[in-house]
PDB file of N, CA and C in Angstrom:
ATOM      1  N   MET A   1      -1.552  -4.704  10.931  1.00  0.00           N
ATOM      2  CA  MET A   1      -0.402  -4.015  10.432  1.00  0.00           C
ATOM      3  C   MET A   1       0.678  -5.030  10.080  1.00  0.00           C
ATOM      4  N   GLU A   2       1.146  -4.928   8.864  1.00  0.00           N
ATOM      5  CA  GLU A   2       2.153  -5.872   8.381  1.00  0.00           C
ATOM      6  C   GLU A   2       3.475  -5.151   8.146  1.00  0.00           C
ATOM      7  N   ILE A   3       4.544  -5.730   8.661  1.00  0.00           N
ATOM      8  CA  ILE A   3       5.875  -5.200   8.405  1.00  0.00           C
ATOM      9  C   ILE A   3       6.434  -5.942   7.199  1.00  0.00           C
ATOM     10  N   GLN A   4       6.787  -5.183   6.186  1.00  0.00           N
ATOM     11  CA  GLN A   4       7.341  -5.763   4.967  1.00  0.00           C
ATOM     12  C   GLN A   4       8.862  -5.632   4.984  1.00  0.00           C
ATOM     13  N   HIS A   5       9.507  -6.473   4.193  1.00  0.00           N
ATOM     14  CA  HIS A   5      10.974  -6.488   4.139  1.00  0.00           C
ATOM     15  C   HIS A   5      11.415  -6.621   2.695  1.00  0.00           C
ATOM     16  N   ARG A   6      12.384  -5.799   2.331  1.00  0.00           N
ATOM     17  CA  ARG A   6      13.017  -5.903   1.014  1.00  0.00           C
ATOM     18  C   ARG A   6      14.517  -5.828   1.223  1.00  0.00           C
ATOM     19  N   SER A   7      15.267  -6.559   0.391  1.00  0.00           N
ATOM     20  CA  SER A   7      16.727  -6.458   0.498  1.00  0.00           C
ATOM     21  C   SER A   7      17.374  -6.664  -0.860  1.00  0.00           C
ATOM     22  N   THR A   8      18.573  -6.109  -0.971  1.00  0.00           N
ATOM     23  CA  THR A   8      19.407  -6.274  -2.161  1.00  0.00           C
ATOM     24  C   THR A   8      20.714  -6.911  -1.687  1.00  0.00           C
ATOM     25  N   GLU A   9      21.700  -6.926  -2.551  1.00  0.00           N
ATOM     26  CA  GLU A   9      23.001  -7.488  -2.182  1.00  0.00           C
ATOM     27  C   GLU A   9      23.642  -6.750  -1.019  1.00  0.00           C
ATOM     28  N   SER A  10      23.425  -5.434  -0.952  1.00  0.00           N
ATOM     29  CA  SER A  10      24.157  -4.643   0.035  1.00  0.00           C
ATOM     30  C   SER A  10      23.297  -3.896   1.045  1.00  0.00           C
ATOM     31  N   LYS A  11      21.984  -3.812   0.808  1.00  0.00           N
ATOM     32  CA  LYS A  11      21.117  -3.026   1.688  1.00  0.00           C
ATOM     33  C   LYS A  11      19.792  -3.737   1.909  1.00  0.00           C
ATOM     34  N   GLY A  12      19.033  -3.200   2.858  1.00  0.00           N
ATOM     35  CA  GLY A  12      17.708  -3.746   3.101  1.00  0.00           C
ATOM     36  C   GLY A  12      16.860  -2.732   3.846  1.00  0.00           C
ATOM     37  N   GLU A  13      15.571  -3.038   3.931  1.00  0.00           N
ATOM     38  CA  GLU A  13      14.650  -2.164   4.642  1.00  0.00           C
ATOM     39  C   GLU A  13      13.458  -2.955   5.156  1.00  0.00           C
ATOM     40  N   PHE A  14      12.988  -2.533   6.307  1.00  0.00           N
ATOM     41  CA  PHE A  14      11.729  -3.001   6.864  1.00  0.00           C
ATOM     42  C   PHE A  14      10.813  -1.791   6.836  1.00  0.00           C
ATOM     43  N   PHE A  15       9.544  -1.988   6.452  1.00  0.00           N
ATOM     44  CA  PHE A  15       8.663  -0.842   6.357  1.00  0.00           C
ATOM     45  C   PHE A  15       7.206  -1.228   6.572  1.00  0.00           C
ATOM     46  N   ILE A  16       6.413  -0.206   6.885  1.00  0.00           N
ATOM     47  CA  ILE A  16       4.982  -0.364   7.103  1.00  0.00           C
ATOM     48  C   ILE A  16       4.273   0.599   6.160  1.00  0.00           C
ATOM     49  N   GLU A  17       3.295   0.075   5.434  1.00  0.00           N
ATOM     50  CA  GLU A  17       2.487   0.912   4.555  1.00  0.00           C
ATOM     51  C   GLU A  17       1.048   0.909   5.038  1.00  0.00           C
ATOM     52  N   LYS A  18       0.385   2.040   4.856  1.00  0.00           N
ATOM     53  CA  LYS A  18      -1.029   2.149   5.194  1.00  0.00           C
ATOM     54  C   LYS A  18      -1.692   2.960   4.095  1.00  0.00           C
ATOM     55  N   ASP A  19      -2.749   2.417   3.530  1.00  0.00           N
ATOM     56  CA  ASP A  19      -3.465   3.069   2.435  1.00  0.00           C
ATOM     57  C   ASP A  19      -2.524   3.438   1.287  1.00  0.00           C
ATOM     58  N   GLY A  20      -1.583   2.543   0.984  1.00  0.00           N
ATOM     59  CA  GLY A  20      -0.671   2.739  -0.128  1.00  0.00           C
ATOM     60  C   GLY A  20       0.466   3.703   0.133  1.00  0.00           C
ATOM     61  N   LYS A  21       0.583   4.215   1.362  1.00  0.00           N
ATOM     62  CA  LYS A  21       1.650   5.154   1.683  1.00  0.00           C
ATOM     63  C   LYS A  21       2.553   4.557   2.764  1.00  0.00           C
ATOM     64  N   ARG A  22       3.840   4.779   2.625  1.00  0.00           N
ATOM     65  CA  ARG A  22       4.796   4.313   3.621  1.00  0.00           C
ATOM     66  C   ARG A  22       4.707   5.226   4.841  1.00  0.00           C
ATOM     67  N   ILE A  23       4.429   4.616   6.005  1.00  0.00           N
ATOM     68  CA  ILE A  23       4.306   5.439   7.210  1.00  0.00           C
ATOM     69  C   ILE A  23       5.445   5.201   8.202  1.00  0.00           C
ATOM     70  N   ALA A  24       6.250   4.162   7.972  1.00  0.00           N
ATOM     71  CA  ALA A  24       7.393   3.896   8.845  1.00  0.00           C
ATOM     72  C   ALA A  24       8.397   3.044   8.086  1.00  0.00           C
ATOM     73  N   GLU A  25       9.687   3.299   8.355  1.00  0.00           N
ATOM     74  CA  GLU A  25      10.726   2.501   7.707  1.00  0.00           C
ATOM     75  C   GLU A  25      11.982   2.469   8.554  1.00  0.00           C
ATOM     76  N   MET A  26      12.715   1.382   8.396  1.00  0.00           N
ATOM     77  CA  MET A  26      14.019   1.227   9.025  1.00  0.00           C
ATOM     78  C   MET A  26      14.929   0.619   7.965  1.00  0.00           C
ATOM     79  N   THR A  27      16.056   1.263   7.709  1.00  0.00           N
ATOM     80  CA  THR A  27      16.968   0.779   6.679  1.00  0.00           C
ATOM     81  C   THR A  27      18.254   0.254   7.302  1.00  0.00           C
ATOM     82  N   TYR A  28      18.894  -0.648   6.582  1.00  0.00           N
ATOM     83  CA  TYR A  28      20.161  -1.212   7.041  1.00  0.00           C
ATOM     84  C   TYR A  28      21.076  -1.478   5.860  1.00  0.00           C
ATOM     85  N   SER A  29      22.354  -1.572   6.171  1.00  0.00           N
ATOM     86  CA  SER A  29      23.369  -1.963   5.196  1.00  0.00           C
ATOM     87  C   SER A  29      23.966  -3.278   5.666  1.00  0.00           C
ATOM     88  N   LYS A  30      24.347  -4.095   4.723  1.00  0.00           N
ATOM     89  CA  LYS A  30      24.996  -5.359   5.062  1.00  0.00           C
ATOM     90  C   LYS A  30      26.499  -5.124   5.185  1.00  0.00           C
ATOM     91  N   ALA A  31      27.069  -5.635   6.259  1.00  0.00           N
ATOM     92  CA  ALA A  31      28.510  -5.507   6.497  1.00  0.00           C
ATOM     93  C   ALA A  31      29.097  -6.907   6.517  1.00  0.00           C
ATOM     94  N   GLY A  32      29.488  -7.373   5.367  1.00  0.00           N
ATOM     95  CA  GLY A  32      30.011  -8.733   5.263  1.00  0.00           C
ATOM     96  C   GLY A  32      28.887  -9.754   5.379  1.00  0.00           C
ATOM     97  N   GLU A  33      29.265 -10.952   5.770  1.00  0.00           N
ATOM     98  CA  GLU A  33      28.310 -12.059   5.846  1.00  0.00           C
ATOM     99  C   GLU A  33      27.647 -12.199   7.208  1.00  0.00           C
ATOM    100  N   THR A  34      28.147 -11.466   8.215  1.00  0.00           N
ATOM    101  CA  THR A  34      27.684 -11.729   9.576  1.00  0.00           C
ATOM    102  C   THR A  34      27.090 -10.536  10.307  1.00  0.00           C
ATOM    103  N   LYS A  35      26.984  -9.392   9.639  1.00  0.00           N
ATOM    104  CA  LYS A  35      26.532  -8.203  10.365  1.00  0.00           C
ATOM    105  C   LYS A  35      25.679  -7.309   9.481  1.00  0.00           C
ATOM    106  N   ILE A  36      24.677  -6.660  10.102  1.00  0.00           N
ATOM    107  CA  ILE A  36      23.945  -5.591   9.444  1.00  0.00           C
ATOM    108  C   ILE A  36      24.090  -4.325  10.287  1.00  0.00           C
ATOM    109  N   ILE A  37      24.056  -3.194   9.611  1.00  0.00           N
ATOM    110  CA  ILE A  37      24.176  -1.900  10.270  1.00  0.00           C
ATOM    111  C   ILE A  37      22.856  -1.162  10.081  1.00  0.00           C
ATOM    112  N   ILE A  38      22.116  -0.981  11.171  1.00  0.00           N
ATOM    113  CA  ILE A  38      20.875  -0.204  11.085  1.00  0.00           C
ATOM    114  C   ILE A  38      21.288   1.259  11.033  1.00  0.00           C
ATOM    115  N   ASP A  39      20.945   1.924   9.920  1.00  0.00           N
ATOM    116  CA  ASP A  39      21.417   3.288   9.733  1.00  0.00           C
ATOM    117  C   ASP A  39      20.322   4.346   9.778  1.00  0.00           C
ATOM    118  N   HIS A  40      19.059   3.948   9.743  1.00  0.00           N
ATOM    119  CA  HIS A  40      18.008   4.964   9.713  1.00  0.00           C
ATOM    120  C   HIS A  40      16.671   4.349  10.115  1.00  0.00           C
ATOM    121  N   THR A  41      15.935   5.068  10.946  1.00  0.00           N
ATOM    122  CA  THR A  41      14.561   4.709  11.296  1.00  0.00           C
ATOM    123  C   THR A  41      13.740   5.985  11.218  1.00  0.00           C
ATOM    124  N   GLU A  42      12.592   5.893  10.566  1.00  0.00           N
ATOM    125  CA  GLU A  42      11.740   7.079  10.431  1.00  0.00           C
ATOM    126  C   GLU A  42      10.279   6.666  10.468  1.00  0.00           C
ATOM    127  N   VAL A  43       9.491   7.448  11.189  1.00  0.00           N
ATOM    128  CA  VAL A  43       8.046   7.238  11.254  1.00  0.00           C
ATOM    129  C   VAL A  43       7.389   8.551  10.853  1.00  0.00           C
ATOM    130  N   SER A  44       6.438   8.475   9.935  1.00  0.00           N
ATOM    131  CA  SER A  44       5.754   9.687   9.482  1.00  0.00           C
ATOM    132  C   SER A  44       4.874  10.255  10.591  1.00  0.00           C
ATOM    133  N   ASP A  45       4.451  11.486  10.411  1.00  0.00           N
ATOM    134  CA  ASP A  45       3.564  12.113  11.397  1.00  0.00           C
ATOM    135  C   ASP A  45       2.312  11.273  11.621  1.00  0.00           C
ATOM    136  N   ALA A  46       1.799  10.661  10.563  1.00  0.00           N
ATOM    137  CA  ALA A  46       0.581   9.851  10.667  1.00  0.00           C
ATOM    138  C   ALA A  46       0.789   8.597  11.511  1.00  0.00           C
ATOM    139  N   GLY A  47       2.036   8.145  11.634  1.00  0.00           N
ATOM    140  CA  GLY A  47       2.299   6.921  12.380  1.00  0.00           C
ATOM    141  C   GLY A  47       2.901   7.129  13.761  1.00  0.00           C
ATOM    142  N   ARG A  48       3.178   8.346  14.107  1.00  0.00           N
ATOM    143  CA  ARG A  48       3.843   8.625  15.396  1.00  0.00           C
ATOM    144  C   ARG A  48       2.966   8.245  16.586  1.00  0.00           C
ATOM    145  N   GLY A  49       3.655   7.782  17.632  1.00  0.00           N
ATOM    146  CA  GLY A  49       2.971   7.451  18.869  1.00  0.00           C
ATOM    147  C   GLY A  49       2.270   6.110  18.874  1.00  0.00           C
ATOM    148  N   LYS A  50       2.488   5.311  17.845  1.00  0.00           N
ATOM    149  CA  LYS A  50       1.813   4.011  17.738  1.00  0.00           C
ATOM    150  C   LYS A  50       2.767   2.832  17.956  1.00  0.00           C
ATOM    151  N   GLY A  51       4.032   3.121  18.246  1.00  0.00           N
ATOM    152  CA  GLY A  51       4.991   2.056  18.494  1.00  0.00           C
ATOM    153  C   GLY A  51       5.566   1.430  17.241  1.00  0.00           C
ATOM    154  N   TYR A  52       5.347   2.045  16.086  1.00  0.00           N
ATOM    155  CA  TYR A  52       5.836   1.463  14.838  1.00  0.00           C
ATOM    156  C   TYR A  52       7.356   1.378  14.789  1.00  0.00           C
ATOM    157  N   GLY A  53       8.036   2.398  15.292  1.00  0.00           N
ATOM    158  CA  GLY A  53       9.494   2.380  15.276  1.00  0.00           C
ATOM    159  C   GLY A  53      10.045   1.205  16.060  1.00  0.00           C
ATOM    160  N   LYS A  54       9.517   0.986  17.254  1.00  0.00           N
ATOM    161  CA  LYS A  54       9.972  -0.140  18.077  1.00  0.00           C
ATOM    162  C   LYS A  54       9.659  -1.468  17.395  1.00  0.00           C
ATOM    163  N   GLN A  55       8.501  -1.558  16.748  1.00  0.00           N
ATOM    164  CA  GLN A  55       8.143  -2.795  16.060  1.00  0.00           C
ATOM    165  C   GLN A  55       9.104  -3.084  14.913  1.00  0.00           C
ATOM    166  N   LEU A  56       9.544  -2.028  14.225  1.00  0.00           N
ATOM    167  CA  LEU A  56      10.519  -2.223  13.148  1.00  0.00           C
ATOM    168  C   LEU A  56      11.847  -2.729  13.701  1.00  0.00           C
ATOM    169  N   VAL A  57      12.283  -2.144  14.810  1.00  0.00           N
ATOM    170  CA  VAL A  57      13.542  -2.598  15.427  1.00  0.00           C
ATOM    171  C   VAL A  57      13.404  -4.052  15.866  1.00  0.00           C
ATOM    172  N   LYS A  58      12.271  -4.392  16.465  1.00  0.00           N
ATOM    173  CA  LYS A  58      12.035  -5.780  16.893  1.00  0.00           C
ATOM    174  C   LYS A  58      12.104  -6.729  15.696  1.00  0.00           C
ATOM    175  N   LYS A  59      11.517  -6.330  14.579  1.00  0.00           N
ATOM    176  CA  LYS A  59      11.544  -7.163  13.375  1.00  0.00           C
ATOM    177  C   LYS A  59      12.982  -7.324  12.867  1.00  0.00           C
ATOM    178  N   GLY A  60      13.775  -6.258  12.956  1.00  0.00           N
ATOM    179  CA  GLY A  60      15.183  -6.343  12.567  1.00  0.00           C
ATOM    180  C   GLY A  60      15.956  -7.298  13.450  1.00  0.00           C
ATOM    181  N   VAL A  61      15.676  -7.269  14.750  1.00  0.00           N
ATOM    182  CA  VAL A  61      16.316  -8.190  15.695  1.00  0.00           C
ATOM    183  C   VAL A  61      15.922  -9.636  15.359  1.00  0.00           C
ATOM    184  N   GLU A  62      14.650  -9.868  15.095  1.00  0.00           N
ATOM    185  CA  GLU A  62      14.195 -11.216  14.727  1.00  0.00           C
ATOM    186  C   GLU A  62      14.877 -11.682  13.446  1.00  0.00           C
ATOM    187  N   PHE A  63      14.993 -10.794  12.468  1.00  0.00           N
ATOM    188  CA  PHE A  63      15.662 -11.117  11.210  1.00  0.00           C
ATOM    189  C   PHE A  63      17.122 -11.500  11.470  1.00  0.00           C
ATOM    190  N   ALA A  64      17.793 -10.724  12.322  1.00  0.00           N
ATOM    191  CA  ALA A  64      19.194 -11.019  12.654  1.00  0.00           C
ATOM    192  C   ALA A  64      19.324 -12.391  13.299  1.00  0.00           C
ATOM    193  N   ARG A  65      18.439 -12.694  14.235  1.00  0.00           N
ATOM    194  CA  ARG A  65      18.487 -14.003  14.903  1.00  0.00           C
ATOM    195  C   ARG A  65      18.263 -15.136  13.919  1.00  0.00           C
ATOM    196  N   GLU A  66      17.267 -14.987  13.061  1.00  0.00           N
ATOM    197  CA  GLU A  66      16.933 -16.041  12.096  1.00  0.00           C
ATOM    198  C   GLU A  66      18.072 -16.301  11.117  1.00  0.00           C
ATOM    199  N   ASN A  67      18.879 -15.268  10.852  1.00  0.00           N
ATOM    200  CA  ASN A  67      19.945 -15.386   9.864  1.00  0.00           C
ATOM    201  C   ASN A  67      21.343 -15.395  10.480  1.00  0.00           C
ATOM    202  N   ASP A  68      21.397 -15.590  11.799  1.00  0.00           N
ATOM    203  CA  ASP A  68      22.669 -15.664  12.534  1.00  0.00           C
ATOM    204  C   ASP A  68      23.553 -14.447  12.253  1.00  0.00           C
ATOM    205  N   LEU A  69      22.940 -13.257  12.381  1.00  0.00           N
ATOM    206  CA  LEU A  69      23.638 -12.000  12.142  1.00  0.00           C
ATOM    207  C   LEU A  69      23.753 -11.199  13.427  1.00  0.00           C
ATOM    208  N   LYS A  70      24.711 -10.300  13.458  1.00  0.00           N
ATOM    209  CA  LYS A  70      24.842  -9.324  14.530  1.00  0.00           C
ATOM    210  C   LYS A  70      24.392  -7.971  13.985  1.00  0.00           C
ATOM    211  N   ILE A  71      23.964  -7.103  14.890  1.00  0.00           N
ATOM    212  CA  ILE A  71      23.498  -5.768  14.506  1.00  0.00           C
ATOM    213  C   ILE A  71      24.420  -4.709  15.093  1.00  0.00           C
ATOM    214  N   MET A  72      24.786  -3.752  14.258  1.00  0.00           N
ATOM    215  CA  MET A  72      25.463  -2.542  14.718  1.00  0.00           C
ATOM    216  C   MET A  72      24.444  -1.407  14.534  1.00  0.00           C
ATOM    217  N   PRO A  73      23.865  -0.910  15.622  1.00  0.00           N
ATOM    218  CA  PRO A  73      22.832   0.124  15.493  1.00  0.00           C
ATOM    219  C   PRO A  73      23.435   1.533  15.448  1.00  0.00           C
ATOM    220  N   LEU A  74      23.704   2.051  14.259  1.00  0.00           N
ATOM    221  CA  LEU A  74      24.208   3.412  14.122  1.00  0.00           C
ATOM    222  C   LEU A  74      23.083   4.434  14.258  1.00  0.00           C
ATOM    223  N   CYS A  75      21.886   4.045  13.914  1.00  0.00           N
ATOM    224  CA  CYS A  75      20.726   4.916  14.070  1.00  0.00           C
ATOM    225  C   CYS A  75      20.481   5.142  15.568  1.00  0.00           C
ATOM    226  N   PRO A  76      20.438   6.395  16.013  1.00  0.00           N
ATOM    227  CA  PRO A  76      20.246   6.662  17.444  1.00  0.00           C
ATOM    228  C   PRO A  76      18.959   6.067  18.016  1.00  0.00           C
ATOM    229  N   PHE A  77      17.885   6.062  17.243  1.00  0.00           N
ATOM    230  CA  PHE A  77      16.623   5.498  17.732  1.00  0.00           C
ATOM    231  C   PHE A  77      16.757   3.996  17.939  1.00  0.00           C
ATOM    232  N   ALA A  78      17.261   3.290  16.923  1.00  0.00           N
ATOM    233  CA  ALA A  78      17.420   1.836  17.031  1.00  0.00           C
ATOM    234  C   ALA A  78      18.375   1.478  18.170  1.00  0.00           C
ATOM    235  N   LYS A  79      19.447   2.246  18.308  1.00  0.00           N
ATOM    236  CA  LYS A  79      20.412   2.004  19.380  1.00  0.00           C
ATOM    237  C   LYS A  79      19.744   2.135  20.744  1.00  0.00           C
ATOM    238  N   ALA A  80      18.926   3.170  20.922  1.00  0.00           N
ATOM    239  CA  ALA A  80      18.237   3.385  22.197  1.00  0.00           C
ATOM    240  C   ALA A  80      17.258   2.246  22.489  1.00  0.00           C
ATOM    241  N   ILE A  81      16.512   1.812  21.490  1.00  0.00           N
ATOM    242  CA  ILE A  81      15.537   0.726  21.690  1.00  0.00           C
ATOM    243  C   ILE A  81      16.251  -0.561  22.082  1.00  0.00           C
ATOM    244  N   ILE A  82      17.314  -0.889  21.390  1.00  0.00           N
ATOM    245  CA  ILE A  82      18.043  -2.125  21.690  1.00  0.00           C
ATOM    246  C   ILE A  82      18.653  -2.062  23.091  1.00  0.00           C
ATOM    247  N   HIS A  83      19.219  -0.931  23.448  1.00  0.00           N
ATOM    248  CA  HIS A  83      19.857  -0.823  24.764  1.00  0.00           C
ATOM    249  C   HIS A  83      18.843  -0.777  25.905  1.00  0.00           C
ATOM    250  N   LYS A  84      17.625  -0.313  25.648  1.00  0.00           N
ATOM    251  CA  LYS A  84      16.585  -0.273  26.689  1.00  0.00           C
ATOM    252  C   LYS A  84      15.904  -1.622  26.887  1.00  0.00           C
ATOM    253  N   ASN A  85      16.092  -2.537  25.942  1.00  0.00           N
ATOM    254  CA  ASN A  85      15.413  -3.833  25.988  1.00  0.00           C
ATOM    255  C   ASN A  85      16.441  -4.960  26.016  1.00  0.00           C
ATOM    256  N   PRO A  86      16.740  -5.472  27.216  1.00  0.00           N
ATOM    257  CA  PRO A  86      17.755  -6.531  27.332  1.00  0.00           C
ATOM    258  C   PRO A  86      17.484  -7.736  26.430  1.00  0.00           C
ATOM    259  N   GLU A  87      16.225  -8.015  26.133  1.00  0.00           N
ATOM    260  CA  GLU A  87      15.899  -9.177  25.299  1.00  0.00           C
ATOM    261  C   GLU A  87      16.364  -9.009  23.860  1.00  0.00           C
ATOM    262  N   PHE A  88      16.742  -7.791  23.455  1.00  0.00           N
ATOM    263  CA  PHE A  88      17.233  -7.541  22.087  1.00  0.00           C
ATOM    264  C   PHE A  88      18.759  -7.565  22.010  1.00  0.00           C
ATOM    265  N   GLN A  89      19.436  -7.561  23.147  1.00  0.00           N
ATOM    266  CA  GLN A  89      20.873  -7.319  23.159  1.00  0.00           C
ATOM    267  C   GLN A  89      21.739  -8.504  22.745  1.00  0.00           C
ATOM    268  N   ASP A  90      21.147  -9.669  22.585  1.00  0.00           N
ATOM    269  CA  ASP A  90      21.930 -10.823  22.140  1.00  0.00           C
ATOM    270  C   ASP A  90      22.447 -10.665  20.720  1.00  0.00           C
ATOM    271  N   VAL A  91      21.880  -9.739  19.948  1.00  0.00           N
ATOM    272  CA  VAL A  91      22.302  -9.563  18.560  1.00  0.00           C
ATOM    273  C   VAL A  91      23.373  -8.487  18.379  1.00  0.00           C
ATOM    274  N   LEU A  92      23.763  -7.850  19.494  1.00  0.00           N
ATOM    275  CA  LEU A  92      24.801  -6.812  19.391  1.00  0.00           C
ATOM    276  C   LEU A  92      26.167  -7.425  19.162  1.00  0.00           C
TER     277      LEU A  92
END
């Protein structure tokens, strides 16, 4: 399973595709030069229960670390994952 990433000047997304269909995605908005705001995480019925949502959040945290960014998790799912995992909280 590969997590893909796309971004524009103001937004970005991490997503997982299977058999040509998107089965999970997490979107974010860029807030200046130092912060991203995770605003949405969704996993399709076909992908539920496989940990895809958490993997997307983990990938977002890794992206933030690599790019010296902070994360504001407005998405309730992403916020819960980050707060439940102390190893992710350095990016808050």
